[in-house]
Amino acid sequence: LGGAPGVAPARVVVLGAGNVGWNAAWIAAGMEAEVRLLDLDLDRLRHVDQIHRGRITTLASNRGSVERAVRDADLVIGAVLVAGGRAPVLVDEATVAAMRPGSVIVDVAV
């Protein structure tokens, strides 16, 4: 995911800053990827900012921020789960179609 000489680091987008999403973002950042972590919980994002001090970019999750981040990603990790319910659909078919060729989506919200 990260910096081999002459190769740009991967752009990783993690949707959801719960335990799974935060850990996925942390691992990707440790592998020198450019990481964006999106969530609705601004307190959680502030906490991530305090710990990671800029190594992980945090963004408030809304339709526009998700679409922009996903379009530019090499890897998207969906880690959004609503306790007792179905995980919301955050990435629609049009957004997937706008992604760069070779991009990967992994949804772990099961």
N, C-alpha and C. Protein backbone atom coordinates (compact mmCIF):
# COMPACT_ATOMS: atom_id res chain seq x y z
N LEU A 1 0.81 -1.21 0.00
CA LEU A 1 0.00 0.00 0.00
C LEU A 1 0.84 1.26 0.00
N GLY A 2 2.06 1.13 0.42
CA GLY A 2 2.82 2.35 0.59
C GLY A 2 4.12 2.37 -0.16
N GLY A 3 4.67 3.45 -0.08
CA GLY A 3 5.81 4.01 -0.71
C GLY A 3 6.97 3.15 -1.13
N ALA A 4 6.86 2.46 -2.21
CA ALA A 4 8.05 1.92 -2.86
C ALA A 4 8.66 3.06 -3.67
N PRO A 5 9.96 3.09 -3.78
CA PRO A 5 10.58 4.18 -4.54
C PRO A 5 9.99 4.30 -5.95
N GLY A 6 9.60 5.51 -6.30
CA GLY A 6 9.07 5.77 -7.62
C GLY A 6 7.60 5.44 -7.80
N VAL A 7 6.94 4.98 -6.74
CA VAL A 7 5.53 4.61 -6.81
C VAL A 7 4.76 5.40 -5.76
N ALA A 8 3.69 6.05 -6.18
CA ALA A 8 2.88 6.81 -5.24
C ALA A 8 2.19 5.86 -4.26
N PRO A 9 2.00 6.29 -3.01
CA PRO A 9 1.29 5.44 -2.05
C PRO A 9 -0.17 5.26 -2.46
N ALA A 10 -0.74 4.15 -2.04
CA ALA A 10 -2.15 3.88 -2.33
C ALA A 10 -3.03 4.86 -1.57
N ARG A 11 -4.16 5.18 -2.17
CA ARG A 11 -5.17 6.02 -1.52
C ARG A 11 -6.23 5.09 -0.94
N VAL A 12 -6.30 5.05 0.38
CA VAL A 12 -7.22 4.16 1.07
C VAL A 12 -8.31 4.99 1.73
N VAL A 13 -9.55 4.60 1.50
CA VAL A 13 -10.70 5.24 2.13
C VAL A 13 -11.38 4.21 3.02
N VAL A 14 -11.58 4.59 4.28
CA VAL A 14 -12.26 3.72 5.23
C VAL A 14 -13.55 4.41 5.64
N LEU A 15 -14.66 3.72 5.41
CA LEU A 15 -15.98 4.25 5.76
C LEU A 15 -16.38 3.63 7.09
N GLY A 16 -16.37 4.44 8.13
CA GLY A 16 -16.72 3.99 9.47
C GLY A 16 -15.51 4.00 10.39
N ALA A 17 -15.62 4.72 11.51
CA ALA A 17 -14.50 4.86 12.44
C ALA A 17 -14.72 4.07 13.73
N GLY A 18 -15.53 3.01 13.65
CA GLY A 18 -15.67 2.12 14.79
C GLY A 18 -14.40 1.30 14.95
N ASN A 19 -14.45 0.27 15.75
CA ASN A 19 -13.25 -0.54 16.01
C ASN A 19 -12.65 -1.11 14.73
N VAL A 20 -13.48 -1.68 13.87
CA VAL A 20 -12.97 -2.29 12.64
C VAL A 20 -12.39 -1.23 11.70
N GLY A 21 -13.14 -0.17 11.47
CA GLY A 21 -12.69 0.88 10.56
C GLY A 21 -11.44 1.59 11.05
N TRP A 22 -11.41 1.91 12.33
CA TRP A 22 -10.25 2.61 12.88
C TRP A 22 -9.01 1.73 12.77
N ASN A 23 -9.15 0.46 13.09
CA ASN A 23 -8.00 -0.44 12.99
C ASN A 23 -7.55 -0.62 11.54
N ALA A 24 -8.50 -0.70 10.61
CA ALA A 24 -8.13 -0.80 9.19
C ALA A 24 -7.36 0.45 8.76
N ALA A 25 -7.83 1.61 9.18
CA ALA A 25 -7.16 2.87 8.84
C ALA A 25 -5.76 2.91 9.45
N TRP A 26 -5.64 2.46 10.68
CA TRP A 26 -4.36 2.47 11.39
C TRP A 26 -3.35 1.57 10.68
N ILE A 27 -3.79 0.38 10.29
CA ILE A 27 -2.91 -0.55 9.58
C ILE A 27 -2.48 0.05 8.23
N ALA A 28 -3.43 0.60 7.49
CA ALA A 28 -3.11 1.20 6.19
C ALA A 28 -2.13 2.36 6.34
N ALA A 29 -2.34 3.18 7.37
CA ALA A 29 -1.41 4.30 7.61
C ALA A 29 -0.02 3.76 7.97
N GLY A 30 0.03 2.69 8.73
CA GLY A 30 1.30 2.08 9.08
C GLY A 30 2.03 1.51 7.88
N MET A 31 1.26 1.19 6.84
CA MET A 31 1.86 0.69 5.59
C MET A 31 2.16 1.83 4.62
N GLU A 32 2.10 3.07 5.13
CA GLU A 32 2.44 4.28 4.38
C GLU A 32 1.43 4.66 3.31
N ALA A 33 0.20 4.19 3.41
CA ALA A 33 -0.84 4.61 2.48
C ALA A 33 -1.35 6.00 2.87
N GLU A 34 -1.96 6.69 1.91
CA GLU A 34 -2.69 7.93 2.20
C GLU A 34 -4.08 7.50 2.64
N VAL A 35 -4.45 7.78 3.88
CA VAL A 35 -5.69 7.24 4.44
C VAL A 35 -6.68 8.35 4.76
N ARG A 36 -7.92 8.13 4.33
CA ARG A 36 -9.04 8.99 4.69
C ARG A 36 -10.04 8.14 5.45
N LEU A 37 -10.44 8.60 6.63
CA LEU A 37 -11.39 7.89 7.49
C LEU A 37 -12.63 8.76 7.63
N LEU A 38 -13.78 8.22 7.23
CA LEU A 38 -15.03 8.97 7.27
C LEU A 38 -15.98 8.37 8.29
N ASP A 39 -16.67 9.24 9.03
CA ASP A 39 -17.65 8.79 10.01
C ASP A 39 -18.60 9.95 10.32
N LEU A 40 -19.75 9.61 10.87
CA LEU A 40 -20.72 10.63 11.30
C LEU A 40 -20.38 11.19 12.68
N ASP A 41 -19.67 10.42 13.49
CA ASP A 41 -19.37 10.78 14.88
C ASP A 41 -18.14 11.69 14.93
N LEU A 42 -18.39 12.99 15.06
CA LEU A 42 -17.29 13.95 15.05
C LEU A 42 -16.39 13.81 16.26
N ASP A 43 -16.94 13.40 17.41
CA ASP A 43 -16.10 13.17 18.59
C ASP A 43 -15.12 12.04 18.33
N ARG A 44 -15.59 10.99 17.68
CA ARG A 44 -14.71 9.86 17.35
C ARG A 44 -13.61 10.31 16.39
N LEU A 45 -13.96 11.13 15.40
CA LEU A 45 -12.96 11.63 14.46
C LEU A 45 -11.93 12.52 15.15
N ARG A 46 -12.38 13.35 16.10
CA ARG A 46 -11.45 14.18 16.86
C ARG A 46 -10.47 13.31 17.65
N HIS A 47 -10.99 12.24 18.23
CA HIS A 47 -10.16 11.31 18.99
C HIS A 47 -9.09 10.69 18.08
N VAL A 48 -9.49 10.27 16.89
CA VAL A 48 -8.53 9.72 15.92
C VAL A 48 -7.48 10.77 15.57
N ASP A 49 -7.92 12.02 15.35
CA ASP A 49 -6.99 13.11 15.03
C ASP A 49 -5.95 13.30 16.14
N GLN A 50 -6.40 13.26 17.39
CA GLN A 50 -5.49 13.46 18.52
C GLN A 50 -4.43 12.36 18.58
N ILE A 51 -4.82 11.15 18.28
CA ILE A 51 -3.90 10.02 18.38
C ILE A 51 -2.96 9.95 17.17
N HIS A 52 -3.49 10.13 15.99
CA HIS A 52 -2.71 9.90 14.77
C HIS A 52 -2.07 11.16 14.20
N ARG A 53 -2.43 12.30 14.68
CA ARG A 53 -1.79 13.58 14.35
C ARG A 53 -1.46 13.76 12.87
N GLY A 54 -2.49 13.62 12.04
CA GLY A 54 -2.33 13.91 10.62
C GLY A 54 -1.95 12.73 9.74
N ARG A 55 -1.59 11.60 10.32
CA ARG A 55 -1.26 10.42 9.49
C ARG A 55 -2.51 9.83 8.87
N ILE A 56 -3.65 10.08 9.51
CA ILE A 56 -4.95 9.66 8.98
C ILE A 56 -5.78 10.93 8.83
N THR A 57 -6.29 11.18 7.63
CA THR A 57 -7.16 12.33 7.40
C THR A 57 -8.58 11.93 7.76
N THR A 58 -9.20 12.70 8.65
CA THR A 58 -10.58 12.39 9.04
C THR A 58 -11.53 13.35 8.35
N LEU A 59 -12.68 12.82 7.95
CA LEU A 59 -13.69 13.61 7.25
C LEU A 59 -15.07 13.27 7.79
N ALA A 60 -15.90 14.30 7.95
CA ALA A 60 -17.29 14.07 8.31
C ALA A 60 -17.98 13.37 7.14
N SER A 61 -18.69 12.33 7.46
CA SER A 61 -19.33 11.53 6.41
C SER A 61 -20.65 12.16 5.99
N ASN A 62 -20.75 12.44 4.71
CA ASN A 62 -22.01 12.85 4.09
C ASN A 62 -21.94 12.38 2.64
N ARG A 63 -23.02 12.49 1.94
CA ARG A 63 -23.06 11.96 0.57
C ARG A 63 -21.92 12.49 -0.30
N GLY A 64 -21.70 13.78 -0.26
CA GLY A 64 -20.66 14.39 -1.09
C GLY A 64 -19.26 13.95 -0.70
N SER A 65 -18.96 13.93 0.60
CA SER A 65 -17.61 13.55 1.03
C SER A 65 -17.33 12.09 0.71
N VAL A 66 -18.34 11.23 0.85
CA VAL A 66 -18.16 9.81 0.52
C VAL A 66 -17.91 9.66 -0.97
N GLU A 67 -18.72 10.30 -1.80
CA GLU A 67 -18.56 10.17 -3.25
C GLU A 67 -17.19 10.66 -3.71
N ARG A 68 -16.75 11.82 -3.21
CA ARG A 68 -15.45 12.37 -3.62
C ARG A 68 -14.31 11.45 -3.17
N ALA A 69 -14.36 10.99 -1.94
CA ALA A 69 -13.28 10.14 -1.42
C ALA A 69 -13.21 8.82 -2.17
N VAL A 70 -14.36 8.20 -2.39
CA VAL A 70 -14.40 6.88 -3.04
C VAL A 70 -13.95 6.97 -4.49
N ARG A 71 -14.36 8.01 -5.19
CA ARG A 71 -13.97 8.17 -6.60
C ARG A 71 -12.46 8.15 -6.79
N ASP A 72 -11.73 8.73 -5.83
CA ASP A 72 -10.28 8.85 -5.96
C ASP A 72 -9.50 7.72 -5.30
N ALA A 73 -10.19 6.75 -4.71
CA ALA A 73 -9.52 5.72 -3.91
C ALA A 73 -8.98 4.57 -4.75
N ASP A 74 -7.90 3.99 -4.26
CA ASP A 74 -7.40 2.72 -4.79
C ASP A 74 -8.05 1.56 -4.04
N LEU A 75 -8.33 1.78 -2.76
CA LEU A 75 -8.94 0.77 -1.90
C LEU A 75 -9.99 1.43 -1.03
N VAL A 76 -11.20 0.89 -1.03
CA VAL A 76 -12.27 1.36 -0.15
C VAL A 76 -12.62 0.23 0.80
N ILE A 77 -12.62 0.53 2.08
CA ILE A 77 -13.01 -0.45 3.09
C ILE A 77 -14.28 0.05 3.75
N GLY A 78 -15.36 -0.70 3.57
CA GLY A 78 -16.63 -0.37 4.21
C GLY A 78 -16.69 -1.05 5.56
N ALA A 79 -16.77 -0.26 6.62
CA ALA A 79 -16.80 -0.80 7.98
C ALA A 79 -17.91 -0.13 8.78
N VAL A 80 -19.06 0.00 8.16
CA VAL A 80 -20.20 0.65 8.80
C VAL A 80 -21.22 -0.40 9.18
N LEU A 81 -21.56 -0.45 10.44
CA LEU A 81 -22.56 -1.40 10.91
C LEU A 81 -23.43 -0.70 11.93
N VAL A 82 -24.72 -0.80 11.77
CA VAL A 82 -25.67 -0.26 12.72
C VAL A 82 -26.12 -1.41 13.60
N ALA A 83 -25.87 -1.29 14.90
CA ALA A 83 -26.21 -2.38 15.82
C ALA A 83 -27.68 -2.75 15.69
N GLY A 84 -27.92 -4.03 15.45
CA GLY A 84 -29.29 -4.52 15.34
C GLY A 84 -29.96 -4.27 14.01
N GLY A 85 -29.27 -3.67 13.07
CA GLY A 85 -29.89 -3.36 11.78
C GLY A 85 -28.96 -3.67 10.62
N ARG A 86 -29.45 -3.36 9.44
CA ARG A 86 -28.64 -3.54 8.23
C ARG A 86 -27.67 -2.38 8.09
N ALA A 87 -26.51 -2.69 7.55
CA ALA A 87 -25.55 -1.63 7.26
C ALA A 87 -26.11 -0.75 6.14
N PRO A 88 -25.95 0.56 6.25
CA PRO A 88 -26.46 1.44 5.20
C PRO A 88 -25.64 1.31 3.92
N VAL A 89 -26.28 1.60 2.80
CA VAL A 89 -25.58 1.62 1.51
C VAL A 89 -25.01 3.02 1.32
N LEU A 90 -23.70 3.13 1.37
CA LEU A 90 -23.04 4.43 1.26
C LEU A 90 -22.45 4.68 -0.12
N VAL A 91 -22.18 3.61 -0.85
CA VAL A 91 -21.55 3.73 -2.17
C VAL A 91 -22.50 3.15 -3.20
N ASP A 92 -23.04 4.02 -4.06
CA ASP A 92 -23.99 3.54 -5.06
C ASP A 92 -23.26 3.12 -6.34
N GLU A 93 -24.02 2.56 -7.26
CA GLU A 93 -23.44 2.04 -8.50
C GLU A 93 -22.77 3.12 -9.33
N ALA A 94 -23.33 4.31 -9.34
CA ALA A 94 -22.74 5.41 -10.12
C ALA A 94 -21.37 5.79 -9.57
N THR A 95 -21.23 5.77 -8.26
CA THR A 95 -19.94 6.09 -7.64
C THR A 95 -18.92 5.00 -7.95
N VAL A 96 -19.35 3.75 -7.90
CA VAL A 96 -18.45 2.64 -8.24
C VAL A 96 -18.00 2.77 -9.70
N ALA A 97 -18.92 3.11 -10.58
CA ALA A 97 -18.59 3.26 -12.00
C ALA A 97 -17.59 4.39 -12.23
N ALA A 98 -17.58 5.40 -11.34
CA ALA A 98 -16.67 6.53 -11.49
C ALA A 98 -15.29 6.26 -10.90
N MET A 99 -15.13 5.14 -10.23
CA MET A 99 -13.83 4.81 -9.64
C MET A 99 -12.81 4.48 -10.73
N ARG A 100 -11.55 4.63 -10.39
CA ARG A 100 -10.48 4.33 -11.34
C ARG A 100 -10.39 2.83 -11.59
N PRO A 101 -10.01 2.43 -12.79
CA PRO A 101 -9.84 1.00 -13.08
C PRO A 101 -8.82 0.39 -12.12
N GLY A 102 -9.12 -0.81 -11.65
CA GLY A 102 -8.22 -1.51 -10.74
C GLY A 102 -8.47 -1.23 -9.28
N SER A 103 -9.37 -0.30 -8.98
CA SER A 103 -9.69 -0.02 -7.58
C SER A 103 -10.42 -1.20 -6.97
N VAL A 104 -10.32 -1.31 -5.64
CA VAL A 104 -10.89 -2.45 -4.92
C VAL A 104 -11.80 -1.95 -3.82
N ILE A 105 -12.94 -2.65 -3.64
CA ILE A 105 -13.86 -2.36 -2.54
C ILE A 105 -13.96 -3.61 -1.68
N VAL A 106 -13.78 -3.43 -0.37
CA VAL A 106 -13.93 -4.52 0.60
C VAL A 106 -14.95 -4.05 1.62
N ASP A 107 -16.03 -4.80 1.79
CA ASP A 107 -17.05 -4.44 2.77
C ASP A 107 -17.01 -5.45 3.90
N VAL A 108 -16.61 -5.00 5.08
CA VAL A 108 -16.51 -5.90 6.23
C VAL A 108 -17.67 -5.72 7.20
N ALA A 109 -18.64 -4.93 6.83
CA ALA A 109 -19.79 -4.67 7.71
C ALA A 109 -20.82 -5.78 7.56
N VAL A 110 -20.48 -6.94 8.09
CA VAL A 110 -21.40 -8.07 8.01
C VAL A 110 -21.77 -8.54 9.40
